[in-house]
Amino acid sequence: MEHPQWIQTIGLIAGIVLPLWNIPLIVRIIKRKSSRDISLWWAMGVWVCIVLMAPSGFVSLDIVWKTFNYMNVFFFTLVAICVLVYRHPRGKNEQTTP
């Protein structure tokens, strides 16, 4: 069933814009030179799920789903790289926060 063109257009715009919200997170990590406040479990869990869903989007005929997948894989991969690169091991005298 074909959706009205305006629904496709809104979906496509949202599919492009949503992953762009990763940019402020990337910038914050780089500026602070630390990703300590971001859970490795969360970042890697989200990234793995995105990568596992991506093939569905890559072969889809739905332009909204396909575009969103390309954008999301690209930008969240940047987030995951930044989280890993800017991860500093805790020092012996540093307290861990619960």
C-alpha atoms as a PDB file:
ATOM      1  CA  MET A   1       0.000   0.000   0.000  1.00  0.00           C
ATOM      2  CA  GLU A   2       1.474   3.321  -1.089  1.00  0.00           C
ATOM      3  CA  HIS A   3       1.466   6.144   1.449  1.00  0.00           C
ATOM      4  CA  PRO A   4       0.691   9.733   0.478  1.00  0.00           C
ATOM      5  CA  GLN A   5       3.787  11.613  -0.731  1.00  0.00           C
ATOM      6  CA  TRP A   6       3.759  14.033   2.208  1.00  0.00           C
ATOM      7  CA  ILE A   7       4.053  11.136   4.674  1.00  0.00           C
ATOM      8  CA  GLN A   8       7.057   9.780   2.770  1.00  0.00           C
ATOM      9  CA  THR A   9       8.623  13.248   2.674  1.00  0.00           C
ATOM     10  CA  ILE A  10       8.190  13.852   6.410  1.00  0.00           C
ATOM     11  CA  GLY A  11       9.531  10.384   7.155  1.00  0.00           C
ATOM     12  CA  LEU A  12      12.539  10.934   4.904  1.00  0.00           C
ATOM     13  CA  ILE A  13      13.354  14.269   6.542  1.00  0.00           C
ATOM     14  CA  ALA A  14      13.059  12.708  10.001  1.00  0.00           C
ATOM     15  CA  GLY A  15      15.187   9.749   8.904  1.00  0.00           C
ATOM     16  CA  ILE A  16      17.934  12.163   7.900  1.00  0.00           C
ATOM     17  CA  VAL A  17      17.636  14.528  10.882  1.00  0.00           C
ATOM     18  CA  LEU A  18      17.323  11.975  13.708  1.00  0.00           C
ATOM     19  CA  PRO A  19      20.852  10.529  13.371  1.00  0.00           C
ATOM     20  CA  LEU A  20      22.263  14.071  13.208  1.00  0.00           C
ATOM     21  CA  TRP A  21      21.472  14.377  16.931  1.00  0.00           C
ATOM     22  CA  ASN A  22      24.562  12.212  17.468  1.00  0.00           C
ATOM     23  CA  ILE A  23      26.753  15.148  16.410  1.00  0.00           C
ATOM     24  CA  PRO A  24      26.410  17.110  19.701  1.00  0.00           C
ATOM     25  CA  LEU A  25      27.370  13.964  21.617  1.00  0.00           C
ATOM     26  CA  ILE A  26      30.429  13.437  19.418  1.00  0.00           C
ATOM     27  CA  VAL A  27      31.440  17.104  19.801  1.00  0.00           C
ATOM     28  CA  ARG A  28      31.015  16.945  23.591  1.00  0.00           C
ATOM     29  CA  ILE A  29      33.200  13.840  23.862  1.00  0.00           C
ATOM     30  CA  ILE A  30      35.922  15.390  21.696  1.00  0.00           C
ATOM     31  CA  LYS A  31      35.847  18.754  23.522  1.00  0.00           C
ATOM     32  CA  ARG A  32      36.107  17.111  26.944  1.00  0.00           C
ATOM     33  CA  LYS A  33      38.514  14.471  25.667  1.00  0.00           C
ATOM     34  CA  SER A  34      36.585  11.947  27.727  1.00  0.00           C
ATOM     35  CA  SER A  35      33.704   9.534  27.291  1.00  0.00           C
ATOM     36  CA  ARG A  36      33.774   8.330  30.875  1.00  0.00           C
ATOM     37  CA  ASP A  37      30.159   9.406  31.517  1.00  0.00           C
ATOM     38  CA  ILE A  38      28.890   7.162  28.692  1.00  0.00           C
ATOM     39  CA  SER A  39      28.340   3.502  29.436  1.00  0.00           C
ATOM     40  CA  LEU A  40      30.381   1.187  27.234  1.00  0.00           C
ATOM     41  CA  TRP A  41      27.599  -1.410  27.522  1.00  0.00           C
ATOM     42  CA  TRP A  42      25.054   1.106  26.261  1.00  0.00           C
ATOM     43  CA  ALA A  43      27.202   2.438  23.407  1.00  0.00           C
ATOM     44  CA  MET A  44      28.312  -0.964  22.168  1.00  0.00           C
ATOM     45  CA  GLY A  45      24.850  -2.486  22.667  1.00  0.00           C
ATOM     46  CA  VAL A  46      23.176   0.233  20.607  1.00  0.00           C
ATOM     47  CA  TRP A  47      25.886   0.035  17.927  1.00  0.00           C
ATOM     48  CA  VAL A  48      25.615  -3.766  17.611  1.00  0.00           C
ATOM     49  CA  CYS A  49      21.817  -3.548  17.285  1.00  0.00           C
ATOM     50  CA  ILE A  50      22.102  -0.824  14.633  1.00  0.00           C
ATOM     51  CA  VAL A  51      24.632  -2.878  12.663  1.00  0.00           C
ATOM     52  CA  LEU A  52      22.458  -6.000  12.906  1.00  0.00           C
ATOM     53  CA  MET A  53      19.379  -4.090  11.679  1.00  0.00           C
ATOM     54  CA  ALA A  54      21.268  -2.334   8.880  1.00  0.00           C
ATOM     55  CA  PRO A  55      21.129  -5.103   6.247  1.00  0.00           C
ATOM     56  CA  SER A  56      17.334  -4.943   6.396  1.00  0.00           C
ATOM     57  CA  GLY A  57      17.490  -1.256   5.574  1.00  0.00           C
ATOM     58  CA  PHE A  58      20.167  -1.601   2.918  1.00  0.00           C
ATOM     59  CA  VAL A  59      18.060  -4.018   0.844  1.00  0.00           C
ATOM     60  CA  SER A  60      14.703  -2.356   1.544  1.00  0.00           C
ATOM     61  CA  LEU A  61      12.744  -0.670  -1.218  1.00  0.00           C
ATOM     62  CA  ASP A  62      11.450   1.825   1.375  1.00  0.00           C
ATOM     63  CA  ILE A  63      13.544   4.962   0.898  1.00  0.00           C
ATOM     64  CA  VAL A  64      12.810   6.206   4.430  1.00  0.00           C
ATOM     65  CA  TRP A  65      14.057   3.009   6.105  1.00  0.00           C
ATOM     66  CA  LYS A  66      17.043   2.747   3.746  1.00  0.00           C
ATOM     67  CA  THR A  67      18.121   6.380   4.250  1.00  0.00           C
ATOM     68  CA  PHE A  68      17.675   6.195   8.015  1.00  0.00           C
ATOM     69  CA  ASN A  69      19.839   3.063   8.169  1.00  0.00           C
ATOM     70  CA  TYR A  70      22.695   4.570   6.167  1.00  0.00           C
ATOM     71  CA  MET A  71      22.635   7.748   8.262  1.00  0.00           C
ATOM     72  CA  ASN A  72      22.296   5.918  11.570  1.00  0.00           C
ATOM     73  CA  VAL A  73      25.063   3.402  10.878  1.00  0.00           C
ATOM     74  CA  PHE A  74      27.421   6.204   9.856  1.00  0.00           C
ATOM     75  CA  PHE A  75      26.759   8.591  12.740  1.00  0.00           C
ATOM     76  CA  PHE A  76      26.437   6.023  15.520  1.00  0.00           C
ATOM     77  CA  THR A  77      29.624   4.348  14.330  1.00  0.00           C
ATOM     78  CA  LEU A  78      31.285   7.737  14.879  1.00  0.00           C
ATOM     79  CA  VAL A  79      29.796   7.833  18.385  1.00  0.00           C
ATOM     80  CA  ALA A  80      31.076   4.320  19.146  1.00  0.00           C
ATOM     81  CA  ILE A  81      34.557   5.197  17.861  1.00  0.00           C
ATOM     82  CA  CYS A  82      34.646   8.378  19.954  1.00  0.00           C
ATOM     83  CA  VAL A  83      33.477   6.516  23.051  1.00  0.00           C
ATOM     84  CA  LEU A  84      36.248   3.943  22.605  1.00  0.00           C
ATOM     85  CA  VAL A  85      39.002   6.396  21.636  1.00  0.00           C
ATOM     86  CA  TYR A  86      38.260   8.818  24.468  1.00  0.00           C
ATOM     87  CA  ARG A  87      37.794   6.149  27.104  1.00  0.00           C
ATOM     88  CA  HIS A  88      40.422   6.567  29.804  1.00  0.00           C
ATOM     89  CA  PRO A  89      41.028   3.868  32.379  1.00  0.00           C
ATOM     90  CA  ARG A  90      40.209   4.849  35.922  1.00  0.00           C
ATOM     91  CA  GLY A  91      43.204   5.712  38.046  1.00  0.00           C
ATOM     92  CA  LYS A  92      43.953   3.900  41.302  1.00  0.00           C
ATOM     93  CA  ASN A  93      43.001   6.910  43.420  1.00  0.00           C
ATOM     94  CA  GLU A  94      39.851   7.815  41.509  1.00  0.00           C
ATOM     95  CA  GLN A  95      36.546   6.969  43.041  1.00  0.00           C
ATOM     96  CA  THR A  96      34.004   5.159  40.958  1.00  0.00           C
ATOM     97  CA  THR A  97      30.482   6.510  40.865  1.00  0.00           C
ATOM     98  CA  PRO A  98      27.630   4.079  41.346  1.00  0.00           C
END
